[in-house]
């Protein structure tokens, strides 16, 4: 291993620091999962599942969920592009 964390709190602290720099993003918990998942933004916005577990269990409209997920993905992509532009200065 590159680095051995002593506990989960240490991992989350580092991930929160990366999130403040828009290098990673915290994903919603899926049904039955104990911890949040994280994904990097190094190659642009993450491709998220089309329908979330929340929508399936609550009977939410799949069209609305798809539109929200599309908007979220586009927002993450725009943030990553903006950060790349800032870093080129």
Protein backbone atom coordinates (compact mmCIF):
# COMPACT_ATOMS: atom_id res chain seq x y z
CA UNK A 1 0.00 0.00 0.00
CA UNK A 2 1.08 3.57 -0.67
CA UNK A 3 -0.28 4.81 2.65
CA UNK A 4 -1.90 3.02 5.57
CA UNK A 5 -4.70 4.97 7.24
CA UNK A 6 -5.33 4.25 10.89
CA UNK A 7 -9.12 4.47 10.56
CA UNK A 8 -12.00 5.49 8.30
CA UNK A 9 -12.04 9.03 9.72
CA UNK A 10 -8.56 9.65 8.32
CA UNK A 11 -9.66 8.51 4.88
CA UNK A 12 -12.74 10.74 4.99
CA UNK A 13 -10.65 13.73 6.09
CA UNK A 14 -8.36 13.37 3.07
CA UNK A 15 -11.32 12.85 0.73
CA UNK A 16 -13.04 15.99 2.08
CA UNK A 17 -9.82 17.93 1.45
CA UNK A 18 -9.74 16.61 -2.13
CA UNK A 19 -13.41 17.54 -2.53
CA UNK A 20 -12.68 21.12 -1.49
CA UNK A 21 -10.20 21.23 -4.40
CA UNK A 22 -12.81 19.67 -6.72
CA UNK A 23 -10.69 16.57 -7.30
CA UNK A 24 -13.30 14.13 -6.01
CA UNK A 25 -17.02 14.13 -5.35
CA UNK A 26 -19.02 12.30 -2.71
CA UNK A 27 -21.79 10.15 -4.14
CA UNK A 28 -25.11 9.38 -2.50
CA UNK A 29 -25.36 6.22 -0.44
CA UNK A 30 -27.09 3.36 -2.22
CA UNK A 31 -29.68 1.32 -0.40
CA UNK A 32 -28.03 -1.13 1.97
CA UNK A 33 -24.62 0.52 1.88
CA UNK A 34 -22.97 1.57 5.12
CA UNK A 35 -20.66 4.28 3.77
CA UNK A 36 -20.73 6.86 1.02
CA UNK A 37 -18.85 6.21 -2.18
CA UNK A 38 -16.48 8.70 -3.77
CA UNK A 39 -15.32 9.19 -7.33
CA UNK A 40 -12.54 11.27 -8.85
CA UNK A 41 -13.02 14.15 -11.27
CA UNK A 42 -9.61 13.85 -12.93
CA UNK A 43 -11.09 12.84 -16.29
CA UNK A 44 -14.21 14.99 -16.09
CA UNK A 45 -17.63 14.41 -14.65
CA UNK A 46 -18.42 10.90 -13.47
CA UNK A 47 -20.98 8.81 -15.30
CA UNK A 48 -23.63 8.08 -12.71
CA UNK A 49 -26.30 5.38 -12.79
CA UNK A 50 -29.43 6.31 -14.73
CA UNK A 51 -31.83 5.63 -11.88
CA UNK A 52 -30.92 5.86 -8.22
CA UNK A 53 -32.01 3.37 -5.59
CA UNK A 54 -33.94 6.19 -3.88
CA UNK A 55 -36.06 6.76 -6.95
CA UNK A 56 -36.81 3.06 -7.33
CA UNK A 57 -37.85 2.64 -3.73
CA UNK A 58 -39.86 5.87 -3.50
CA UNK A 59 -41.68 5.46 -6.83
CA UNK A 60 -40.13 8.67 -8.22
CA UNK A 61 -40.55 9.64 -11.85
CA UNK A 62 -37.72 8.16 -13.90
CA UNK A 63 -37.89 11.05 -16.41
CA UNK A 64 -37.35 13.57 -13.62
CA UNK A 65 -34.55 11.49 -12.13
CA UNK A 66 -32.87 11.26 -15.55
CA UNK A 67 -33.11 15.02 -16.03
CA UNK A 68 -31.66 15.70 -12.58
CA UNK A 69 -28.81 13.26 -13.09
CA UNK A 70 -28.04 14.78 -16.49
CA UNK A 71 -27.96 18.28 -14.97
CA UNK A 72 -25.73 17.10 -12.12
CA UNK A 73 -23.31 15.45 -14.55
CA UNK A 74 -23.21 18.56 -16.72
CA UNK A 75 -22.61 20.75 -13.66
CA UNK A 76 -19.69 18.56 -12.53
CA UNK A 77 -18.24 18.67 -16.05
CA UNK A 78 -18.53 22.47 -16.13
CA UNK A 79 -16.85 22.75 -12.73
CA UNK A 80 -13.99 20.55 -13.93
CA UNK A 81 -13.60 22.65 -17.10
CA UNK A 82 -13.64 25.87 -15.07
CA UNK A 83 -10.99 24.50 -12.72
CA UNK A 84 -8.84 23.49 -15.70
CA UNK A 85 -9.14 27.02 -17.11
CA UNK A 86 -8.19 28.50 -13.73
CA UNK A 87 -5.14 26.24 -13.49
CA UNK A 88 -3.86 27.30 -16.94
CA UNK A 89 -3.41 30.91 -15.79
